[in-house]
Structures are given as structure tokens and as C-alpha cells.
Amino acid sequence: MLDLEAIELIKQLKGRYFRAIDTCNLELLQGMLTPDIKLAFKSPAYEFHLEGIDKALDFYKTSFTKTRLAMHNGHTPEIEVMGEEATALWYLNYVFINLEEKTHMHGGAIYEDRYVKRDGRWWIAETGYKTLLETVEPLSEQLQITSKPIN
């Protein structure tokens, strides 16, 4: 039988994760990642793996700044709950604007996550993606950024 409550709680957790990285809210991130969190990201332009909450928070702090802006949309989750653990695949659509390098990236990827339930709460124990499609272009001279997610 499906554990619909766990599935909904995991959906909400991943939604907060996307909001936290796009706004670089490290306090919110720390409250959803396990101390031994594992990150793995693979794209045509980069590939890396990190382990541990301190390294993860450092990564997010330097990746999403006032000059590195992102928007992540995760959807169509495929979540499987097995007691106190769960796995999920999420389809990701993202935009990343790097004002330092003057680039505008669009992409799609598949996130692969593992979750654990501790003390009645779901936590992200592993997260990462493999890019399916990614385009990078120079920022247009006409592009105007009228608001930014990080103040």
C-alpha cells in the first residue's frame, strides 16, 4: 500500500529544498539535510561529489550568490517509500544566470534522492542529478534583471 502521507511530506521537503537553494537560505537547508548528506551532480560542464553537511553548505553558499542566480523547478516525482527510508526521481528544469561569467544556462536533469525518517521527520540523505539537456549562452546585452532572489 502507498504511504501517501510520507509521499506528501517528501514532496514538501523537496519543494523547500529548491526554494532554499535558489534563495541561498543556509539555515533552511541545514534543517533538511542529514549530517552525512551526499551530493552528486553531473553535467556536460562539471561533475562533482561532496559528503557532509559542512561541505554541502559551503557548496551552496558559493554556488548561489548575488551574482549567481538560479531557479529550480522539480516536478513529476516518482517516490517509493520503504518504512523509514524512501527514494525518489524528480524531473528538474533549471535556469542559472552567472553575472560574473556573463552566461545564461538552461537545462533539464533527473534528480535521484534518498530520504530517511528520523525522530518523526523526513530528511534528505542523498541528492544529486544527471543532466539530460543543457544550453549555455552569453548573457544578452538587452537582458534586464529586475529582481534577484538573494539580497
C-alpha atoms as a PDB file:
ATOM      1  CA  MET A   1       0.000   0.000   0.000  1.00  0.00           C
ATOM      2  CA  LEU A   2       1.191   3.523  -0.788  1.00  0.00           C
ATOM      3  CA  ASP A   3       2.224   5.695   2.149  1.00  0.00           C
ATOM      4  CA  LEU A   4       0.527   8.859   0.867  1.00  0.00           C
ATOM      5  CA  GLU A   5       1.386  10.892   3.961  1.00  0.00           C
ATOM      6  CA  ALA A   6       5.108  10.144   3.578  1.00  0.00           C
ATOM      7  CA  ILE A   7       4.956  10.894  -0.146  1.00  0.00           C
ATOM      8  CA  GLU A   8       3.338  14.275   0.501  1.00  0.00           C
ATOM      9  CA  LEU A   9       5.836  15.144   3.247  1.00  0.00           C
ATOM     10  CA  ILE A  10       8.727  14.256   0.910  1.00  0.00           C
ATOM     11  CA  LYS A  11       7.222  16.415  -1.851  1.00  0.00           C
ATOM     12  CA  GLN A  12       7.035  19.343   0.558  1.00  0.00           C
ATOM     13  CA  LEU A  13      10.607  18.705   1.723  1.00  0.00           C
ATOM     14  CA  LYS A  14      11.933  18.767  -1.852  1.00  0.00           C
ATOM     15  CA  GLY A  15       9.933  21.925  -2.570  1.00  0.00           C
ATOM     16  CA  ARG A  16      11.593  23.634   0.407  1.00  0.00           C
ATOM     17  CA  TYR A  17      14.973  22.361  -0.827  1.00  0.00           C
ATOM     18  CA  PHE A  18      14.522  24.049  -4.220  1.00  0.00           C
ATOM     19  CA  ARG A  19      13.420  27.293  -2.551  1.00  0.00           C
ATOM     20  CA  ALA A  20      16.315  27.145  -0.087  1.00  0.00           C
ATOM     21  CA  ILE A  21      18.991  26.720  -2.760  1.00  0.00           C
ATOM     22  CA  ASP A  22      17.536  29.401  -5.036  1.00  0.00           C
ATOM     23  CA  THR A  23      17.445  31.899  -2.158  1.00  0.00           C
ATOM     24  CA  CYS A  24      20.644  30.533  -0.548  1.00  0.00           C
ATOM     25  CA  ASN A  25      18.871  30.045   2.771  1.00  0.00           C
ATOM     26  CA  LEU A  26      21.555  28.031   4.567  1.00  0.00           C
ATOM     27  CA  GLU A  27      19.569  27.803   7.802  1.00  0.00           C
ATOM     28  CA  LEU A  28      16.643  26.206   5.985  1.00  0.00           C
ATOM     29  CA  LEU A  29      18.992  23.841   4.131  1.00  0.00           C
ATOM     30  CA  GLN A  30      20.699  22.767   7.327  1.00  0.00           C
ATOM     31  CA  GLY A  31      17.295  21.844   8.752  1.00  0.00           C
ATOM     32  CA  MET A  32      16.562  19.386   5.931  1.00  0.00           C
ATOM     33  CA  LEU A  33      19.912  17.699   5.141  1.00  0.00           C
ATOM     34  CA  THR A  34      21.372  14.875   7.228  1.00  0.00           C
ATOM     35  CA  PRO A  35      24.800  15.482   8.828  1.00  0.00           C
ATOM     36  CA  ASP A  36      26.290  12.893   6.441  1.00  0.00           C
ATOM     37  CA  ILE A  37      24.483  14.218   3.335  1.00  0.00           C
ATOM     38  CA  LYS A  38      25.863  13.052  -0.007  1.00  0.00           C
ATOM     39  CA  LEU A  39      25.681  15.301  -3.087  1.00  0.00           C
ATOM     40  CA  ALA A  40      26.436  14.196  -6.650  1.00  0.00           C
ATOM     41  CA  PHE A  41      25.952  16.465  -9.663  1.00  0.00           C
ATOM     42  CA  LYS A  42      26.822  15.587 -13.257  1.00  0.00           C
ATOM     43  CA  SER A  43      26.562  17.836 -16.281  1.00  0.00           C
ATOM     44  CA  PRO A  44      28.499  18.160 -19.536  1.00  0.00           C
ATOM     45  CA  ALA A  45      30.242  21.158 -17.935  1.00  0.00           C
ATOM     46  CA  TYR A  46      31.011  19.678 -14.483  1.00  0.00           C
ATOM     47  CA  GLU A  47      30.860  16.656 -12.236  1.00  0.00           C
ATOM     48  CA  PHE A  48      31.470  16.525  -8.528  1.00  0.00           C
ATOM     49  CA  HIS A  49      30.620  14.683  -5.340  1.00  0.00           C
ATOM     50  CA  LEU A  50      30.524  16.023  -1.790  1.00  0.00           C
ATOM     51  CA  GLU A  51      29.849  14.400   1.547  1.00  0.00           C
ATOM     52  CA  GLY A  52      28.951  16.018   4.861  1.00  0.00           C
ATOM     53  CA  ILE A  53      26.778  18.925   5.895  1.00  0.00           C
ATOM     54  CA  ASP A  54      29.640  21.442   6.207  1.00  0.00           C
ATOM     55  CA  LYS A  55      30.902  20.782   2.674  1.00  0.00           C
ATOM     56  CA  ALA A  56      27.349  20.849   1.336  1.00  0.00           C
ATOM     57  CA  LEU A  57      26.549  24.196   2.947  1.00  0.00           C
ATOM     58  CA  ASP A  58      29.841  25.656   1.668  1.00  0.00           C
ATOM     59  CA  PHE A  59      28.940  24.459  -1.827  1.00  0.00           C
ATOM     60  CA  TYR A  60      25.506  26.085  -1.729  1.00  0.00           C
ATOM     61  CA  LYS A  61      26.898  29.289  -0.206  1.00  0.00           C
ATOM     62  CA  THR A  62      29.394  29.745  -3.044  1.00  0.00           C
ATOM     63  CA  SER A  63      27.145  28.469  -5.847  1.00  0.00           C
ATOM     64  CA  PHE A  64      24.110  30.684  -5.241  1.00  0.00           C
ATOM     65  CA  THR A  65      25.009  34.308  -4.576  1.00  0.00           C
ATOM     66  CA  LYS A  66      24.033  37.836  -5.614  1.00  0.00           C
ATOM     67  CA  THR A  67      25.904  37.218  -8.873  1.00  0.00           C
ATOM     68  CA  ARG A  68      24.959  33.547  -9.407  1.00  0.00           C
ATOM     69  CA  LEU A  69      21.188  33.332  -9.661  1.00  0.00           C
ATOM     70  CA  ALA A  70      19.110  30.210 -10.113  1.00  0.00           C
ATOM     71  CA  MET A  71      15.594  28.917 -10.471  1.00  0.00           C
ATOM     72  CA  HIS A  72      14.958  25.206  -9.954  1.00  0.00           C
ATOM     73  CA  ASN A  73      11.619  23.580 -10.724  1.00  0.00           C
ATOM     74  CA  GLY A  74      11.221  19.959  -9.694  1.00  0.00           C
ATOM     75  CA  HIS A  75       8.216  18.035 -10.856  1.00  0.00           C
ATOM     76  CA  THR A  76       6.719  14.640 -11.727  1.00  0.00           C
ATOM     77  CA  PRO A  77       8.189  12.885  -8.688  1.00  0.00           C
ATOM     78  CA  GLU A  78       8.416   9.114  -8.567  1.00  0.00           C
ATOM     79  CA  ILE A  79       8.626   8.381  -4.842  1.00  0.00           C
ATOM     80  CA  GLU A  80       8.968   4.949  -3.287  1.00  0.00           C
ATOM     81  CA  VAL A  81       8.611   4.655   0.491  1.00  0.00           C
ATOM     82  CA  MET A  82      10.022   1.640   2.334  1.00  0.00           C
ATOM     83  CA  GLY A  83       9.304   2.212   6.012  1.00  0.00           C
ATOM     84  CA  GLU A  84      11.746   4.782   7.383  1.00  0.00           C
ATOM     85  CA  GLU A  85      13.534   5.262   4.043  1.00  0.00           C
ATOM     86  CA  ALA A  86      12.450   6.476   0.638  1.00  0.00           C
ATOM     87  CA  THR A  87      13.892   7.100  -2.800  1.00  0.00           C
ATOM     88  CA  ALA A  88      12.704   9.461  -5.487  1.00  0.00           C
ATOM     89  CA  LEU A  89      13.320  10.577  -9.023  1.00  0.00           C
ATOM     90  CA  TRP A  90      12.427  14.180  -9.843  1.00  0.00           C
ATOM     91  CA  TYR A  91      12.435  15.855 -13.217  1.00  0.00           C
ATOM     92  CA  LEU A  92      14.308  19.156 -12.939  1.00  0.00           C
ATOM     93  CA  ASN A  93      14.068  22.238 -15.118  1.00  0.00           C
ATOM     94  CA  TYR A  94      16.517  24.993 -14.249  1.00  0.00           C
ATOM     95  CA  VAL A  95      17.826  28.404 -15.169  1.00  0.00           C
ATOM     96  CA  PHE A  96      21.201  29.610 -13.942  1.00  0.00           C
ATOM     97  CA  ILE A  97      22.476  33.127 -14.596  1.00  0.00           C
ATOM     98  CA  ASN A  98      26.114  33.813 -13.814  1.00  0.00           C
ATOM     99  CA  LEU A  99      26.750  37.560 -13.814  1.00  0.00           C
ATOM    100  CA  GLU A 100      30.482  37.003 -13.226  1.00  0.00           C
ATOM    101  CA  GLU A 101      30.948  34.878 -16.353  1.00  0.00           C
ATOM    102  CA  LYS A 102      28.079  36.608 -18.168  1.00  0.00           C
ATOM    103  CA  THR A 103      26.347  33.343 -19.048  1.00  0.00           C
ATOM    104  CA  HIS A 104      22.752  32.177 -19.100  1.00  0.00           C
ATOM    105  CA  MET A 105      22.214  28.417 -18.676  1.00  0.00           C
ATOM    106  CA  HIS A 106      19.009  26.437 -19.188  1.00  0.00           C
ATOM    107  CA  GLY A 107      18.706  22.762 -18.547  1.00  0.00           C
ATOM    108  CA  GLY A 108      16.817  19.691 -17.634  1.00  0.00           C
ATOM    109  CA  ALA A 109      18.005  16.861 -15.417  1.00  0.00           C
ATOM    110  CA  ILE A 110      16.852  13.920 -13.348  1.00  0.00           C
ATOM    111  CA  TYR A 111      17.372  14.229  -9.601  1.00  0.00           C
ATOM    112  CA  GLU A 112      17.953  10.979  -7.699  1.00  0.00           C
ATOM    113  CA  ASP A 113      17.304  11.279  -3.980  1.00  0.00           C
ATOM    114  CA  ARG A 114      17.348   9.145  -0.876  1.00  0.00           C
ATOM    115  CA  TYR A 115      15.439  10.165   2.237  1.00  0.00           C
ATOM    116  CA  VAL A 116      15.440   8.927   5.822  1.00  0.00           C
ATOM    117  CA  LYS A 117      12.895   9.419   8.577  1.00  0.00           C
ATOM    118  CA  ARG A 118      14.407  10.311  11.943  1.00  0.00           C
ATOM    119  CA  ASP A 119      12.505  11.377  15.047  1.00  0.00           C
ATOM    120  CA  GLY A 120       9.303  11.609  13.035  1.00  0.00           C
ATOM    121  CA  ARG A 121      10.736  13.873  10.311  1.00  0.00           C
ATOM    122  CA  TRP A 122      11.925  13.226   6.771  1.00  0.00           C
ATOM    123  CA  TRP A 123      15.468  14.313   5.871  1.00  0.00           C
ATOM    124  CA  ILE A 124      17.404  14.357   2.610  1.00  0.00           C
ATOM    125  CA  ALA A 125      20.280  11.862   2.956  1.00  0.00           C
ATOM    126  CA  GLU A 126      21.446  11.881  -0.680  1.00  0.00           C
ATOM    127  CA  THR A 127      20.624  14.157  -3.565  1.00  0.00           C
ATOM    128  CA  GLY A 128      22.026  14.832  -6.976  1.00  0.00           C
ATOM    129  CA  TYR A 129      21.245  14.925 -10.642  1.00  0.00           C
ATOM    130  CA  LYS A 130      22.379  13.861 -14.063  1.00  0.00           C
ATOM    131  CA  THR A 131      21.806  16.428 -16.777  1.00  0.00           C
ATOM    132  CA  LEU A 132      19.710  15.447 -19.771  1.00  0.00           C
ATOM    133  CA  LEU A 133      19.838  18.708 -21.732  1.00  0.00           C
ATOM    134  CA  GLU A 134      21.803  21.869 -21.077  1.00  0.00           C
ATOM    135  CA  THR A 135      22.312  25.034 -23.092  1.00  0.00           C
ATOM    136  CA  VAL A 136      24.690  27.838 -22.224  1.00  0.00           C
ATOM    137  CA  GLU A 137      24.736  31.161 -23.992  1.00  0.00           C
ATOM    138  CA  PRO A 138      26.258  34.582 -23.368  1.00  0.00           C
ATOM    139  CA  LEU A 139      24.032  36.962 -21.474  1.00  0.00           C
ATOM    140  CA  SER A 140      22.234  39.252 -23.856  1.00  0.00           C
ATOM    141  CA  GLU A 141      23.105  42.936 -23.620  1.00  0.00           C
ATOM    142  CA  GLN A 142      19.352  43.567 -23.598  1.00  0.00           C
ATOM    143  CA  LEU A 143      18.675  41.247 -20.648  1.00  0.00           C
ATOM    144  CA  GLN A 144      17.404  43.188 -17.667  1.00  0.00           C
ATOM    145  CA  ILE A 145      17.226  41.524 -14.278  1.00  0.00           C
ATOM    146  CA  THR A 146      14.529  43.382 -12.385  1.00  0.00           C
ATOM    147  CA  SER A 147      14.672  41.340  -9.177  1.00  0.00           C
ATOM    148  CA  LYS A 148      17.040  38.900  -7.551  1.00  0.00           C
ATOM    149  CA  PRO A 149      16.259  36.037  -5.150  1.00  0.00           C
ATOM    150  CA  ILE A 150      19.248  36.802  -2.920  1.00  0.00           C
ATOM    151  CA  ASN A 151      19.502  40.225  -1.287  1.00  0.00           C
END
